[in-house]
Amino acid sequence: MKNAMAPRPKKPDSKIKGIRPLVEFSEEEHWEIETERVRQRIDKGEYLRRAVLYCVRNKVDLQKG
């Protein structure tokens, strides 16, 4: 079973603000994320946001992994 975040409805005053992407994780992936984010004492959304921004800012090539 995969865990998914439901997208938020769009706000009329912003094209991007408030939109949550749909991301699905396997049970194993979910457990890895939960374990690490608890260790760092931050919520899941913030953990994923920081991870994505780290990849973007450091130009991590996800095709190699």
PDB file of N, CA and C in Angstrom:
ATOM      1  N   MET A   1       0.844  -1.187   0.000  1.00  0.00           N
ATOM      2  CA  MET A   1       0.000   0.000   0.000  1.00  0.00           C
ATOM      3  C   MET A   1       0.878   1.234   0.000  1.00  0.00           C
ATOM      4  N   LYS A   2       0.530   2.212  -0.822  1.00  0.00           N
ATOM      5  CA  LYS A   2       1.308   3.434  -0.916  1.00  0.00           C
ATOM      6  C   LYS A   2       0.622   4.551  -0.159  1.00  0.00           C
ATOM      7  N   ASN A   3       1.431   5.413   0.452  1.00  0.00           N
ATOM      8  CA  ASN A   3       0.909   6.592   1.143  1.00  0.00           C
ATOM      9  C   ASN A   3       0.955   7.762   0.177  1.00  0.00           C
ATOM     10  N   ALA A   4      -0.092   8.545   0.140  1.00  0.00           N
ATOM     11  CA  ALA A   4      -0.148   9.680  -0.775  1.00  0.00           C
ATOM     12  C   ALA A   4      -0.682  10.897  -0.042  1.00  0.00           C
ATOM     13  N   MET A   5      -0.157  12.053  -0.428  1.00  0.00           N
ATOM     14  CA  MET A   5      -0.639  13.308   0.110  1.00  0.00           C
ATOM     15  C   MET A   5      -1.648  13.859  -0.892  1.00  0.00           C
ATOM     16  N   ALA A   6      -2.816  14.221  -0.435  1.00  0.00           N
ATOM     17  CA  ALA A   6      -3.838  14.776  -1.319  1.00  0.00           C
ATOM     18  C   ALA A   6      -3.489  16.220  -1.657  1.00  0.00           C
ATOM     19  N   PRO A   7      -3.660  16.625  -2.914  1.00  0.00           N
ATOM     20  CA  PRO A   7      -3.353  18.007  -3.279  1.00  0.00           C
ATOM     21  C   PRO A   7      -4.353  18.980  -2.664  1.00  0.00           C
ATOM     22  N   ARG A   8      -3.852  20.146  -2.290  1.00  0.00           N
ATOM     23  CA  ARG A   8      -4.725  21.201  -1.764  1.00  0.00           C
ATOM     24  C   ARG A   8      -5.436  21.886  -2.922  1.00  0.00           C
ATOM     25  N   PRO A   9      -6.604  22.426  -2.684  1.00  0.00           N
ATOM     26  CA  PRO A   9      -7.275  23.168  -3.755  1.00  0.00           C
ATOM     27  C   PRO A   9      -6.517  24.457  -4.073  1.00  0.00           C
ATOM     28  N   LYS A  10      -6.578  24.866  -5.321  1.00  0.00           N
ATOM     29  CA  LYS A  10      -5.893  26.086  -5.748  1.00  0.00           C
ATOM     30  C   LYS A  10      -6.579  27.308  -5.167  1.00  0.00           C
ATOM     31  N   LYS A  11      -5.784  28.298  -4.807  1.00  0.00           N
ATOM     32  CA  LYS A  11      -6.318  29.568  -4.335  1.00  0.00           C
ATOM     33  C   LYS A  11      -6.435  30.508  -5.530  1.00  0.00           C
ATOM     34  N   PRO A  12      -7.499  31.275  -5.606  1.00  0.00           N
ATOM     35  CA  PRO A  12      -7.694  32.145  -6.770  1.00  0.00           C
ATOM     36  C   PRO A  12      -6.651  33.255  -6.907  1.00  0.00           C
ATOM     37  N   ASP A  13      -5.980  33.646  -5.816  1.00  0.00           N
ATOM     38  CA  ASP A  13      -5.025  34.753  -5.877  1.00  0.00           C
ATOM     39  C   ASP A  13      -3.590  34.305  -6.162  1.00  0.00           C
ATOM     40  N   SER A  14      -3.344  33.019  -6.292  1.00  0.00           N
ATOM     41  CA  SER A  14      -1.986  32.539  -6.519  1.00  0.00           C
ATOM     42  C   SER A  14      -1.993  31.289  -7.393  1.00  0.00           C
ATOM     43  N   LYS A  15      -1.061  31.226  -8.320  1.00  0.00           N
ATOM     44  CA  LYS A  15      -0.967  30.058  -9.189  1.00  0.00           C
ATOM     45  C   LYS A  15      -0.243  28.905  -8.504  1.00  0.00           C
ATOM     46  N   ILE A  16       0.703  29.210  -7.624  1.00  0.00           N
ATOM     47  CA  ILE A  16       1.528  28.175  -7.009  1.00  0.00           C
ATOM     48  C   ILE A  16       1.266  28.022  -5.523  1.00  0.00           C
ATOM     49  N   LYS A  17       1.063  29.095  -4.816  1.00  0.00           N
ATOM     50  CA  LYS A  17       0.905  29.071  -3.368  1.00  0.00           C
ATOM     51  C   LYS A  17      -0.239  28.159  -2.928  1.00  0.00           C
ATOM     52  N   GLY A  18       0.045  27.280  -1.994  1.00  0.00           N
ATOM     53  CA  GLY A  18      -0.987  26.417  -1.450  1.00  0.00           C
ATOM     54  C   GLY A  18      -1.214  25.121  -2.203  1.00  0.00           C
ATOM     55  N   ILE A  19      -0.459  24.863  -3.258  1.00  0.00           N
ATOM     56  CA  ILE A  19      -0.629  23.627  -4.016  1.00  0.00           C
ATOM     57  C   ILE A  19       0.356  22.594  -3.476  1.00  0.00           C
ATOM     58  N   ARG A  20      -0.152  21.439  -3.144  1.00  0.00           N
ATOM     59  CA  ARG A  20       0.691  20.372  -2.610  1.00  0.00           C
ATOM     60  C   ARG A  20       0.774  19.272  -3.665  1.00  0.00           C
ATOM     61  N   PRO A  21       1.989  18.893  -4.084  1.00  0.00           N
ATOM     62  CA  PRO A  21       2.098  17.839  -5.097  1.00  0.00           C
ATOM     63  C   PRO A  21       1.718  16.469  -4.531  1.00  0.00           C
ATOM     64  N   LEU A  22       1.281  15.603  -5.381  1.00  0.00           N
ATOM     65  CA  LEU A  22       0.944  14.243  -4.989  1.00  0.00           C
ATOM     66  C   LEU A  22       2.221  13.406  -5.061  1.00  0.00           C
ATOM     67  N   VAL A  23       2.640  12.880  -3.924  1.00  0.00           N
ATOM     68  CA  VAL A  23       3.849  12.067  -3.851  1.00  0.00           C
ATOM     69  C   VAL A  23       3.489  10.752  -3.185  1.00  0.00           C
ATOM     70  N   GLU A  24       3.804   9.649  -3.848  1.00  0.00           N
ATOM     71  CA  GLU A  24       3.494   8.339  -3.294  1.00  0.00           C
ATOM     72  C   GLU A  24       4.781   7.640  -2.864  1.00  0.00           C
ATOM     73  N   PHE A  25       4.732   7.000  -1.716  1.00  0.00           N
ATOM     74  CA  PHE A  25       5.881   6.263  -1.181  1.00  0.00           C
ATOM     75  C   PHE A  25       5.468   4.841  -0.853  1.00  0.00           C
ATOM     76  N   SER A  26       6.402   3.907  -1.031  1.00  0.00           N
ATOM     77  CA  SER A  26       6.145   2.540  -0.589  1.00  0.00           C
ATOM     78  C   SER A  26       6.242   2.531   0.936  1.00  0.00           C
ATOM     79  N   GLU A  27       5.815   1.448   1.558  1.00  0.00           N
ATOM     80  CA  GLU A  27       5.892   1.345   3.022  1.00  0.00           C
ATOM     81  C   GLU A  27       7.339   1.479   3.497  1.00  0.00           C
ATOM     82  N   GLU A  28       8.265   0.867   2.778  1.00  0.00           N
ATOM     83  CA  GLU A  28       9.680   0.931   3.150  1.00  0.00           C
ATOM     84  C   GLU A  28      10.215   2.358   3.034  1.00  0.00           C
ATOM     85  N   GLU A  29       9.878   3.047   1.944  1.00  0.00           N
ATOM     86  CA  GLU A  29      10.306   4.429   1.757  1.00  0.00           C
ATOM     87  C   GLU A  29       9.716   5.327   2.848  1.00  0.00           C
ATOM     88  N   HIS A  30       8.440   5.104   3.148  1.00  0.00           N
ATOM     89  CA  HIS A  30       7.777   5.892   4.178  1.00  0.00           C
ATOM     90  C   HIS A  30       8.494   5.703   5.522  1.00  0.00           C
ATOM     91  N   TRP A  31       8.835   4.468   5.846  1.00  0.00           N
ATOM     92  CA  TRP A  31       9.519   4.178   7.103  1.00  0.00           C
ATOM     93  C   TRP A  31      10.890   4.861   7.158  1.00  0.00           C
ATOM     94  N   GLU A  32      11.642   4.837   6.061  1.00  0.00           N
ATOM     95  CA  GLU A  32      12.950   5.499   6.015  1.00  0.00           C
ATOM     96  C   GLU A  32      12.810   7.000   6.257  1.00  0.00           C
ATOM     97  N   ILE A  33      11.829   7.615   5.601  1.00  0.00           N
ATOM     98  CA  ILE A  33      11.602   9.050   5.753  1.00  0.00           C
ATOM     99  C   ILE A  33      11.194   9.371   7.183  1.00  0.00           C
ATOM    100  N   GLU A  34      10.266   8.605   7.730  1.00  0.00           N
ATOM    101  CA  GLU A  34       9.798   8.837   9.100  1.00  0.00           C
ATOM    102  C   GLU A  34      10.934   8.704  10.110  1.00  0.00           C
ATOM    103  N   THR A  35      11.754   7.686   9.957  1.00  0.00           N
ATOM    104  CA  THR A  35      12.872   7.467  10.873  1.00  0.00           C
ATOM    105  C   THR A  35      13.833   8.649  10.871  1.00  0.00           C
ATOM    106  N   GLU A  36      14.185   9.108   9.685  1.00  0.00           N
ATOM    107  CA  GLU A  36      15.144  10.213   9.581  1.00  0.00           C
ATOM    108  C   GLU A  36      14.542  11.541  10.034  1.00  0.00           C
ATOM    109  N   ARG A  37      13.303  11.813   9.677  1.00  0.00           N
ATOM    110  CA  ARG A  37      12.716  13.096  10.070  1.00  0.00           C
ATOM    111  C   ARG A  37      12.472  13.157  11.577  1.00  0.00           C
ATOM    112  N   VAL A  38      12.177  12.028  12.221  1.00  0.00           N
ATOM    113  CA  VAL A  38      12.034  12.006  13.678  1.00  0.00           C
ATOM    114  C   VAL A  38      13.391  12.252  14.330  1.00  0.00           C
ATOM    115  N   ARG A  39      14.435  11.648  13.757  1.00  0.00           N
ATOM    116  CA  ARG A  39      15.785  11.846  14.296  1.00  0.00           C
ATOM    117  C   ARG A  39      16.169  13.330  14.250  1.00  0.00           C
ATOM    118  N   GLN A  40      15.767  14.012  13.180  1.00  0.00           N
ATOM    119  CA  GLN A  40      16.086  15.433  13.020  1.00  0.00           C
ATOM    120  C   GLN A  40      15.062  16.350  13.684  1.00  0.00           C
ATOM    121  N   ARG A  41      13.984  15.768  14.203  1.00  0.00           N
ATOM    122  CA  ARG A  41      12.943  16.496  14.931  1.00  0.00           C
ATOM    123  C   ARG A  41      12.278  17.604  14.114  1.00  0.00           C
ATOM    124  N   ILE A  42      11.903  17.264  12.882  1.00  0.00           N
ATOM    125  CA  ILE A  42      11.143  18.198  12.050  1.00  0.00           C
ATOM    126  C   ILE A  42       9.954  17.444  11.448  1.00  0.00           C
ATOM    127  N   ASP A  43       8.920  18.192  11.041  1.00  0.00           N
ATOM    128  CA  ASP A  43       7.744  17.514  10.479  1.00  0.00           C
ATOM    129  C   ASP A  43       8.037  17.034   9.059  1.00  0.00           C
ATOM    130  N   LYS A  44       7.197  16.124   8.586  1.00  0.00           N
ATOM    131  CA  LYS A  44       7.425  15.450   7.312  1.00  0.00           C
ATOM    132  C   LYS A  44       7.442  16.426   6.134  1.00  0.00           C
ATOM    133  N   GLY A  45       6.503  17.357   6.103  1.00  0.00           N
ATOM    134  CA  GLY A  45       6.449  18.321   5.012  1.00  0.00           C
ATOM    135  C   GLY A  45       7.710  19.165   4.932  1.00  0.00           C
ATOM    136  N   GLU A  46       8.189  19.623   6.071  1.00  0.00           N
ATOM    137  CA  GLU A  46       9.409  20.432   6.110  1.00  0.00           C
ATOM    138  C   GLU A  46      10.615  19.601   5.701  1.00  0.00           C
ATOM    139  N   TYR A  47      10.656  18.347   6.135  1.00  0.00           N
ATOM    140  CA  TYR A  47      11.767  17.459   5.774  1.00  0.00           C
ATOM    141  C   TYR A  47      11.825  17.272   4.252  1.00  0.00           C
ATOM    142  N   LEU A  48      10.679  17.002   3.640  1.00  0.00           N
ATOM    143  CA  LEU A  48      10.636  16.801   2.192  1.00  0.00           C
ATOM    144  C   LEU A  48      10.958  18.091   1.441  1.00  0.00           C
ATOM    145  N   ARG A  49      10.467  19.230   1.954  1.00  0.00           N
ATOM    146  CA  ARG A  49      10.769  20.517   1.317  1.00  0.00           C
ATOM    147  C   ARG A  49      12.265  20.778   1.312  1.00  0.00           C
ATOM    148  N   ARG A  50      12.909  20.557   2.459  1.00  0.00           N
ATOM    149  CA  ARG A  50      14.363  20.760   2.555  1.00  0.00           C
ATOM    150  C   ARG A  50      15.130  19.808   1.649  1.00  0.00           C
ATOM    151  N   ALA A  51      14.662  18.559   1.549  1.00  0.00           N
ATOM    152  CA  ALA A  51      15.327  17.571   0.698  1.00  0.00           C
ATOM    153  C   ALA A  51      15.266  17.994  -0.771  1.00  0.00           C
ATOM    154  N   VAL A  52      14.088  18.442  -1.210  1.00  0.00           N
ATOM    155  CA  VAL A  52      13.927  18.869  -2.597  1.00  0.00           C
ATOM    156  C   VAL A  52      14.783  20.099  -2.874  1.00  0.00           C
ATOM    157  N   LEU A  53      14.748  21.079  -1.987  1.00  0.00           N
ATOM    158  CA  LEU A  53      15.549  22.289  -2.188  1.00  0.00           C
ATOM    159  C   LEU A  53      17.044  21.988  -2.175  1.00  0.00           C
ATOM    160  N   TYR A  54      17.475  21.046  -1.348  1.00  0.00           N
ATOM    161  CA  TYR A  54      18.885  20.640  -1.325  1.00  0.00           C
ATOM    162  C   TYR A  54      19.290  20.088  -2.696  1.00  0.00           C
ATOM    163  N   CYS A  55      18.446  19.228  -3.261  1.00  0.00           N
ATOM    164  CA  CYS A  55      18.737  18.651  -4.576  1.00  0.00           C
ATOM    165  C   CYS A  55      18.801  19.733  -5.647  1.00  0.00           C
ATOM    166  N   VAL A  56      17.876  20.668  -5.616  1.00  0.00           N
ATOM    167  CA  VAL A  56      17.840  21.738  -6.614  1.00  0.00           C
ATOM    168  C   VAL A  56      19.048  22.654  -6.474  1.00  0.00           C
ATOM    169  N   ARG A  57      19.322  23.098  -5.265  1.00  0.00           N
ATOM    170  CA  ARG A  57      20.410  24.063  -5.041  1.00  0.00           C
ATOM    171  C   ARG A  57      21.794  23.475  -5.262  1.00  0.00           C
ATOM    172  N   ASN A  58      21.956  22.175  -5.023  1.00  0.00           N
ATOM    173  CA  ASN A  58      23.250  21.528  -5.208  1.00  0.00           C
ATOM    174  C   ASN A  58      23.331  20.751  -6.507  1.00  0.00           C
ATOM    175  N   LYS A  59      22.339  20.951  -7.368  1.00  0.00           N
ATOM    176  CA  LYS A  59      22.296  20.343  -8.687  1.00  0.00           C
ATOM    177  C   LYS A  59      22.562  18.839  -8.635  1.00  0.00           C
ATOM    178  N   VAL A  60      21.845  18.157  -7.748  1.00  0.00           N
ATOM    179  CA  VAL A  60      21.967  16.710  -7.613  1.00  0.00           C
ATOM    180  C   VAL A  60      21.309  16.065  -8.820  1.00  0.00           C
ATOM    181  N   ASP A  61      22.058  15.222  -9.515  1.00  0.00           N
ATOM    182  CA  ASP A  61      21.553  14.531 -10.704  1.00  0.00           C
ATOM    183  C   ASP A  61      20.864  13.251 -10.254  1.00  0.00           C
ATOM    184  N   LEU A  62      19.545  13.241 -10.269  1.00  0.00           N
ATOM    185  CA  LEU A  62      18.775  12.087  -9.809  1.00  0.00           C
ATOM    186  C   LEU A  62      18.752  10.958 -10.822  1.00  0.00           C
ATOM    187  N   GLN A  63      19.210  11.196 -12.027  1.00  0.00           N
ATOM    188  CA  GLN A  63      19.261  10.145 -13.051  1.00  0.00           C
ATOM    189  C   GLN A  63      20.387   9.150 -12.774  1.00  0.00           C
ATOM    190  N   LYS A  64      21.410   9.570 -12.023  1.00  0.00           N
ATOM    191  CA  LYS A  64      22.545   8.707 -11.718  1.00  0.00           C
ATOM    192  C   LYS A  64      22.243   7.723 -10.606  1.00  0.00           C
ATOM    193  N   GLY A  65      21.289   8.055  -9.710  1.00  0.00           N
ATOM    194  CA  GLY A  65      21.035   7.273  -8.516  1.00  0.00           C
ATOM    195  C   GLY A  65      20.158   6.132  -8.734  1.00  0.00           C
TER     196      GLY A  65
END
